[in-house]
Amino acid sequence: MTHNTPLSPRPLHDLSGRGRLRVMTVAQLRSHGVTTSATNEQCRPGGPWQQLLPGVVLLHPGPPTSEERLHAVLMYAARERGTGVPAQPGAGRGHAPAHPEAMITGLAALTLHGFSSTPPLLSLDAIDVLVPRLRRLRSTGCARIVRGAALPAPEQVAGLPVAPVARALADAVADLTDAGIVRRLMTEAVRGAHCEPAAVVRELNQAQLLSRPHVVDAVESLLAESRAIAEDRLYRMVREYGLPDPAWNVDLRLPGGPYLGGLDAYWPDHAVAVELDTRAPRQDDDAPWSEHARKREHLERLGITVVHITPRKLRDSPEQQATVVRTALMASADREPAAYVAVLPR
């Protein structure tokens, strides 16, 4: 036998019973010795197989399962350019299929990430699949093509390449006009700790969706939700790691002078402040960033140490953030006394 000797064809009934995942491409069937004419015969009306998507065959009659639809969409989208050779998916859960140029995105991806506010996979008329912008593919059947100039690194969920939550959310929002649904999806993304608000806003910005009024309203709700969660975590951090109680949510002002800015926590005896950095990038809007930097510089010139903490750091490493604050409080004894400032309730 030489390397050019074809493999013996596998019996068709053997292919039809190949485990849970019974979906293959025409090229894969050919590699098993099933000719194109034999495939067409099996896929005739009333036959044992059916063509689910162009070049993708479901090896049983009746409707496909959710898993089969997902794999079929990826097989259709990931066929290598110019060769007709599909990527070879893993046959079962836990085996990551090699789909280098395609990943599930949109509502289907959010459902795979565990969102409760998205429809079940079987109820989706089409599954969004993200591919490079220059791929020559068209939406058809249950596959809806979403193109991107720069694809993110996919995450493996149930053995499938899936777009990260922030990207999948932006791709879903692009096709949604219901403000309530958009708001619920964004809220769950934050409450469920699936991603940071800044990542969501960044993806929405790159997709040029921040000009839509219902998206802007949802973003404002998202940022408010993020701040409320971050404030609660800051309260817990101070309490659980034994930091002295600060003055919460205060404004600083020079006596008889200008307003210096608001702070989330302030220790007057130590001249140490904590400010939650819940800013999110906005398109063509540098004013909040510049104002934020000016406020910090002004306070530090007055001898006030400003500790900036992001919501993500509070979530992932609260003990480390408590250590940073405690170190600043202890170091205050070695600094020159700060200027006197009035501390007012916000």
Protein backbone atom coordinates (compact mmCIF):
# COMPACT_ATOMS: atom_id res chain seq x y z
CA MET A 1 0.00 0.00 0.00
CA THR A 2 1.29 3.47 -0.88
CA HIS A 3 0.40 6.85 0.54
CA ASN A 4 -1.76 7.41 -2.56
CA THR A 5 -3.90 4.33 -1.97
CA PRO A 6 -7.44 5.50 -1.12
CA LEU A 7 -8.96 4.45 2.15
CA SER A 8 -11.64 1.80 2.02
CA PRO A 9 -15.07 3.46 2.13
CA ARG A 10 -16.83 3.30 5.47
CA PRO A 11 -20.35 1.89 5.35
CA LEU A 12 -22.99 4.64 5.16
CA HIS A 13 -24.85 3.26 8.17
CA ASP A 14 -21.58 3.48 10.13
CA LEU A 15 -21.26 7.19 9.30
CA SER A 16 -24.89 7.85 10.20
CA GLY A 17 -24.37 6.39 13.65
CA ARG A 18 -21.10 8.15 14.51
CA GLY A 19 -21.79 9.24 18.09
CA ARG A 20 -23.83 12.23 19.14
CA LEU A 21 -22.57 14.68 16.52
CA ARG A 22 -23.89 13.52 13.16
CA VAL A 23 -22.92 16.35 10.85
CA MET A 24 -20.10 16.33 8.29
CA THR A 25 -18.96 18.33 5.31
CA VAL A 26 -19.03 16.94 1.79
CA ALA A 27 -15.21 17.00 1.80
CA GLN A 28 -15.11 14.95 5.00
CA LEU A 29 -17.51 12.43 3.49
CA ARG A 30 -15.27 12.14 0.44
CA SER A 31 -12.33 11.42 2.74
CA HIS A 32 -14.36 8.46 4.03
CA GLY A 33 -14.90 7.23 0.48
CA VAL A 34 -18.43 8.59 0.03
CA THR A 35 -18.70 10.05 -3.45
CA THR A 36 -20.60 13.22 -4.25
CA SER A 37 -23.21 11.24 -6.14
CA ALA A 38 -23.66 8.90 -3.17
CA THR A 39 -24.08 11.89 -0.87
CA ASN A 40 -26.67 13.42 -3.20
CA GLU A 41 -28.53 10.12 -3.27
CA GLN A 42 -28.59 9.94 0.53
CA CYS A 43 -29.84 13.56 0.68
CA ARG A 44 -32.74 13.04 -1.73
CA PRO A 45 -36.21 14.06 -0.45
CA GLY A 46 -37.27 11.49 2.10
CA GLY A 47 -33.74 10.07 2.28
CA PRO A 48 -31.76 9.26 5.44
CA TRP A 49 -29.52 12.37 5.17
CA GLN A 50 -30.17 16.03 4.43
CA GLN A 51 -28.14 19.01 3.28
CA LEU A 52 -28.23 21.42 6.22
CA LEU A 53 -26.03 24.11 4.64
CA PRO A 54 -24.07 24.33 1.40
CA GLY A 55 -21.39 21.65 1.64
CA VAL A 56 -22.61 20.48 5.08
CA VAL A 57 -24.66 17.31 5.53
CA LEU A 58 -26.80 16.19 8.46
CA LEU A 59 -26.47 12.41 8.72
CA HIS A 60 -30.00 11.73 9.92
CA PRO A 61 -33.54 12.77 9.03
CA GLY A 62 -35.49 15.16 11.20
CA PRO A 63 -34.42 18.46 12.76
CA PRO A 64 -30.83 19.00 13.90
CA THR A 65 -29.93 19.42 17.55
CA SER A 66 -28.55 22.71 18.86
CA GLU A 67 -25.05 21.24 18.93
CA GLU A 68 -25.38 20.03 15.34
CA ARG A 69 -26.54 23.45 14.17
CA LEU A 70 -23.60 25.14 15.87
CA HIS A 71 -21.08 22.75 14.34
CA ALA A 72 -22.75 22.99 10.93
CA VAL A 73 -22.56 26.78 10.94
CA LEU A 74 -18.87 26.67 11.88
CA MET A 75 -18.14 24.01 9.25
CA TYR A 76 -19.84 26.12 6.59
CA ALA A 77 -18.00 29.30 7.60
CA ALA A 78 -14.57 27.78 8.23
CA ARG A 79 -13.94 26.05 4.94
CA GLU A 80 -10.43 27.07 3.87
CA ARG A 81 -10.32 29.52 1.00
CA GLY A 82 -9.66 28.07 -2.39
CA THR A 83 -9.18 24.47 -1.28
CA GLY A 84 -12.66 23.34 -0.42
CA VAL A 85 -11.16 21.55 2.57
CA PRO A 86 -13.09 22.16 5.77
CA ALA A 87 -11.65 22.52 9.21
CA GLN A 88 -11.91 19.29 11.16
CA PRO A 89 -14.15 19.69 14.20
CA GLY A 90 -13.89 17.60 17.32
CA ALA A 91 -16.63 15.03 17.53
CA GLY A 92 -17.61 15.60 21.14
CA ARG A 93 -17.86 18.10 23.91
CA GLY A 94 -14.50 19.03 25.37
CA HIS A 95 -12.61 18.61 22.08
CA ALA A 96 -11.98 22.07 20.67
CA PRO A 97 -12.68 22.16 16.92
CA ALA A 98 -10.11 23.85 14.74
CA HIS A 99 -12.09 26.73 13.23
CA PRO A 100 -9.30 29.29 12.84
CA GLU A 101 -11.36 31.80 10.89
CA ALA A 102 -14.84 31.47 12.37
CA MET A 103 -16.44 31.73 15.78
CA ILE A 104 -19.98 31.84 17.16
CA THR A 105 -21.09 35.36 18.08
CA GLY A 106 -24.25 37.36 18.76
CA LEU A 107 -27.18 35.95 20.76
CA ALA A 108 -26.06 32.33 20.29
CA ALA A 109 -22.66 33.15 21.80
CA LEU A 110 -24.26 34.91 24.77
CA THR A 111 -26.46 31.87 25.39
CA LEU A 112 -23.37 29.65 25.31
CA HIS A 113 -21.70 32.01 27.81
CA GLY A 114 -24.58 31.33 30.18
CA PHE A 115 -26.83 34.37 29.75
CA SER A 116 -30.38 33.85 31.03
CA SER A 117 -31.90 36.77 29.10
CA THR A 118 -31.11 35.31 25.65
CA PRO A 119 -33.31 32.84 23.74
CA PRO A 120 -32.60 29.10 23.75
CA LEU A 121 -30.39 28.04 20.88
CA LEU A 122 -33.10 26.01 19.16
CA SER A 123 -35.43 29.03 19.07
CA LEU A 124 -32.94 31.13 17.08
CA ASP A 125 -33.80 31.27 13.40
CA ALA A 126 -30.14 31.86 12.57
CA ILE A 127 -26.81 31.54 14.36
CA ASP A 128 -24.35 34.41 13.95
CA VAL A 129 -20.84 33.39 12.97
CA LEU A 130 -18.00 35.90 12.94
CA VAL A 131 -15.51 35.70 10.07
CA PRO A 132 -12.79 37.98 8.65
CA ARG A 133 -14.14 40.80 6.51
CA LEU A 134 -12.56 39.55 3.28
CA ARG A 135 -14.06 36.05 3.46
CA ARG A 136 -16.30 35.37 0.47
CA LEU A 137 -19.31 33.92 2.22
CA ARG A 138 -23.01 34.68 2.25
CA SER A 139 -25.64 34.17 4.89
CA THR A 140 -27.82 31.17 4.16
CA GLY A 141 -30.09 28.82 6.04
CA CYS A 142 -29.30 28.86 9.75
CA ALA A 143 -25.93 30.58 9.21
CA ARG A 144 -25.81 34.37 9.40
CA ILE A 145 -22.42 35.77 8.49
CA VAL A 146 -21.01 38.64 10.58
CA ARG A 147 -17.83 40.20 9.22
CA GLY A 148 -15.08 41.87 11.23
CA ALA A 149 -11.90 43.67 10.30
CA ALA A 150 -10.09 42.31 13.36
CA LEU A 151 -11.31 39.14 15.03
CA PRO A 152 -10.79 38.67 18.78
CA ALA A 153 -9.23 35.54 20.18
CA PRO A 154 -12.10 33.08 20.60
CA GLU A 155 -12.94 31.45 23.90
CA GLN A 156 -13.62 27.73 24.05
CA VAL A 157 -17.13 27.06 25.34
CA ALA A 158 -18.44 23.49 25.21
CA GLY A 159 -15.65 22.68 22.76
CA LEU A 160 -16.64 25.47 20.35
CA PRO A 161 -14.87 28.72 19.41
CA VAL A 162 -17.04 31.51 20.78
CA ALA A 163 -16.52 35.27 20.64
CA PRO A 164 -15.75 36.93 24.01
CA VAL A 165 -18.82 38.35 25.74
CA ALA A 166 -18.14 42.02 24.93
CA ARG A 167 -17.73 41.30 21.20
CA ALA A 168 -20.71 38.92 21.09
CA LEU A 169 -22.81 41.54 22.86
CA ALA A 170 -21.88 44.24 20.35
CA ASP A 171 -22.68 41.90 17.44
CA ALA A 172 -26.06 41.09 19.00
CA VAL A 173 -26.89 44.74 19.69
CA ALA A 174 -26.15 45.64 16.07
CA ASP A 175 -29.33 43.81 15.04
CA LEU A 176 -31.55 44.78 17.99
CA THR A 177 -33.93 47.74 18.02
CA ASP A 178 -35.77 46.94 21.27
CA ALA A 179 -34.30 49.20 23.96
CA GLY A 180 -35.51 46.94 26.77
CA ILE A 181 -33.76 43.88 25.36
CA VAL A 182 -30.52 45.81 24.79
CA ARG A 183 -30.61 47.13 28.36
CA ARG A 184 -31.26 43.67 29.82
CA LEU A 185 -28.36 42.15 27.91
CA MET A 186 -25.94 44.85 29.02
CA THR A 187 -27.14 44.67 32.62
CA GLU A 188 -26.67 40.90 32.75
CA ALA A 189 -23.19 41.27 31.27
CA VAL A 190 -22.20 43.43 34.25
CA ARG A 191 -24.21 41.82 37.04
CA GLY A 192 -23.11 38.38 35.97
CA ALA A 193 -19.45 39.49 35.94
CA HIS A 194 -19.15 38.31 32.34
CA CYS A 195 -17.11 41.37 31.32
CA GLU A 196 -16.22 44.90 32.32
CA PRO A 197 -18.35 47.86 31.14
CA ALA A 198 -15.32 49.49 29.52
CA ALA A 199 -14.90 46.44 27.27
CA VAL A 200 -18.55 46.62 26.21
CA VAL A 201 -18.37 50.35 25.45
CA ARG A 202 -15.13 49.84 23.53
CA GLU A 203 -16.72 47.17 21.31
CA LEU A 204 -19.87 49.28 20.79
CA ASN A 205 -17.68 52.22 19.87
CA GLN A 206 -15.66 50.20 17.35
CA ALA A 207 -18.89 48.92 15.82
CA GLN A 208 -20.11 52.56 15.54
CA LEU A 209 -23.22 51.80 17.58
CA LEU A 210 -22.93 54.66 20.08
CA SER A 211 -24.84 56.97 17.74
CA ARG A 212 -28.05 54.99 18.28
CA PRO A 213 -30.22 56.59 21.00
CA HIS A 214 -31.45 53.30 22.49
CA VAL A 215 -27.86 52.03 22.70
CA VAL A 216 -26.65 55.25 24.37
CA ASP A 217 -29.47 54.98 26.95
CA ALA A 218 -28.51 51.38 27.66
CA VAL A 219 -24.85 52.37 28.07
CA GLU A 220 -25.79 55.00 30.64
CA SER A 221 -27.72 52.36 32.58
CA LEU A 222 -24.76 50.00 32.23
CA LEU A 223 -22.32 52.52 33.69
CA ALA A 224 -24.70 53.33 36.55
CA GLU A 225 -25.04 49.62 37.28
CA SER A 226 -21.28 49.19 37.20
CA ARG A 227 -20.71 52.06 39.63
CA ALA A 228 -23.27 50.73 42.09
CA ILE A 229 -21.63 47.30 42.08
CA ALA A 230 -18.15 48.80 42.44
CA GLU A 231 -19.25 50.98 45.37
CA ASP A 232 -20.67 47.95 47.15
CA ARG A 233 -17.38 46.09 46.64
CA LEU A 234 -15.45 49.07 47.98
CA TYR A 235 -17.59 49.10 51.15
CA ARG A 236 -16.97 45.37 51.61
CA MET A 237 -13.23 45.76 51.04
CA VAL A 238 -12.90 48.40 53.77
CA ARG A 239 -14.97 46.32 56.19
CA GLU A 240 -13.54 42.86 55.51
CA TYR A 241 -9.87 43.89 55.51
CA GLY A 242 -10.05 46.01 58.63
CA LEU A 243 -9.37 49.46 57.17
CA PRO A 244 -10.43 52.47 59.24
CA ASP A 245 -13.79 53.94 58.28
CA PRO A 246 -13.45 56.80 55.79
CA ALA A 247 -15.82 59.62 54.96
CA TRP A 248 -17.91 58.15 52.16
CA ASN A 249 -18.95 59.98 48.98
CA VAL A 250 -17.69 63.46 49.76
CA ASP A 251 -16.80 66.65 47.92
CA LEU A 252 -13.59 68.55 48.69
CA ARG A 253 -13.33 72.32 48.56
CA LEU A 254 -10.68 74.81 49.58
CA PRO A 255 -11.96 77.04 52.42
CA GLY A 256 -13.55 79.99 50.67
CA GLY A 257 -12.07 78.72 47.43
CA PRO A 258 -12.84 76.52 44.45
CA TYR A 259 -14.44 73.09 44.29
CA LEU A 260 -11.78 70.37 44.13
CA GLY A 261 -13.88 67.38 43.11
CA GLY A 262 -15.80 64.41 44.46
CA LEU A 263 -14.30 61.29 46.02
CA ASP A 264 -15.71 57.88 46.84
CA ALA A 265 -13.80 57.60 50.13
CA TYR A 266 -11.60 60.03 52.06
CA TRP A 267 -9.55 59.71 55.25
CA PRO A 268 -9.15 63.33 56.45
CA ASP A 269 -6.59 62.53 59.16
CA HIS A 270 -4.33 60.85 56.62
CA ALA A 271 -5.14 62.96 53.52
CA VAL A 272 -5.75 59.77 51.54
CA ALA A 273 -8.54 59.46 48.99
CA VAL A 274 -9.96 56.58 46.96
CA GLU A 275 -11.59 57.18 43.64
CA LEU A 276 -13.33 54.46 41.67
CA ASP A 277 -12.21 54.60 38.06
CA THR A 278 -15.46 53.68 36.30
CA ARG A 279 -14.80 55.71 33.19
CA ALA A 280 -15.44 54.11 29.83
CA PRO A 281 -13.92 55.08 26.49
CA ARG A 282 -16.17 57.21 24.32
CA GLN A 283 -15.80 58.15 20.72
CA ASP A 284 -14.21 61.59 20.19
CA ASP A 285 -14.69 62.54 23.83
CA ASP A 286 -11.48 63.29 25.71
CA ALA A 287 -12.93 65.95 28.03
CA PRO A 288 -13.80 63.59 30.95
CA TRP A 289 -10.32 62.07 30.81
CA SER A 290 -8.60 65.47 30.87
CA GLU A 291 -10.79 66.70 33.71
CA HIS A 292 -10.05 63.54 35.68
CA ALA A 293 -6.29 64.03 35.28
CA ARG A 294 -6.47 67.71 36.27
CA LYS A 295 -8.40 66.89 39.44
CA ARG A 296 -5.88 64.25 40.49
CA GLU A 297 -2.91 66.55 39.85
CA HIS A 298 -4.53 69.38 41.81
CA LEU A 299 -5.25 67.17 44.83
CA GLU A 300 -1.75 65.72 44.84
CA ARG A 301 -0.23 69.21 44.74
CA LEU A 302 -2.21 69.91 47.92
CA GLY A 303 -0.59 66.87 49.55
CA ILE A 304 -3.56 64.50 49.18
CA THR A 305 -2.73 60.95 48.05
CA VAL A 306 -5.25 59.69 45.50
CA VAL A 307 -5.62 55.92 45.07
CA HIS A 308 -7.43 54.92 41.89
CA ILE A 309 -9.14 51.53 41.88
CA THR A 310 -10.93 49.97 38.93
CA PRO A 311 -14.05 47.82 39.37
CA ARG A 312 -12.18 44.89 37.88
CA LYS A 313 -9.39 45.09 40.45
CA LEU A 314 -11.96 45.32 43.24
CA ARG A 315 -13.60 42.19 41.89
CA ASP A 316 -10.48 40.14 41.18
CA SER A 317 -8.00 41.24 43.87
CA PRO A 318 -9.72 43.05 46.77
CA GLU A 319 -7.01 42.04 49.26
CA GLN A 320 -4.32 43.55 47.08
CA GLN A 321 -6.30 46.79 46.73
CA ALA A 322 -6.82 46.92 50.50
CA THR A 323 -3.05 46.59 50.93
CA VAL A 324 -2.48 49.52 48.58
CA VAL A 325 -4.86 51.70 50.59
CA ARG A 326 -3.41 50.57 53.93
CA THR A 327 0.11 51.37 52.71
CA ALA A 328 -0.97 54.87 51.69
CA LEU A 329 -2.57 55.42 55.10
CA MET A 330 0.58 54.27 56.93
CA ALA A 331 2.83 56.40 54.71
CA SER A 332 0.90 59.54 55.58
CA ALA A 333 2.86 59.89 58.84
CA ASP A 334 6.08 60.40 56.83
CA ARG A 335 4.68 63.07 54.51
CA GLU A 336 4.41 66.78 54.92
CA PRO A 337 0.99 67.80 56.26
CA ALA A 338 -1.54 68.32 53.50
CA ALA A 339 -3.33 71.60 52.90
CA TYR A 340 -6.52 72.06 54.85
CA VAL A 341 -9.62 71.29 52.78
CA ALA A 342 -13.32 71.37 53.59
CA VAL A 343 -15.01 67.95 53.42
CA LEU A 344 -18.66 68.15 52.43
CA PRO A 345 -21.31 65.45 51.86
CA ARG A 346 -21.80 64.80 48.17
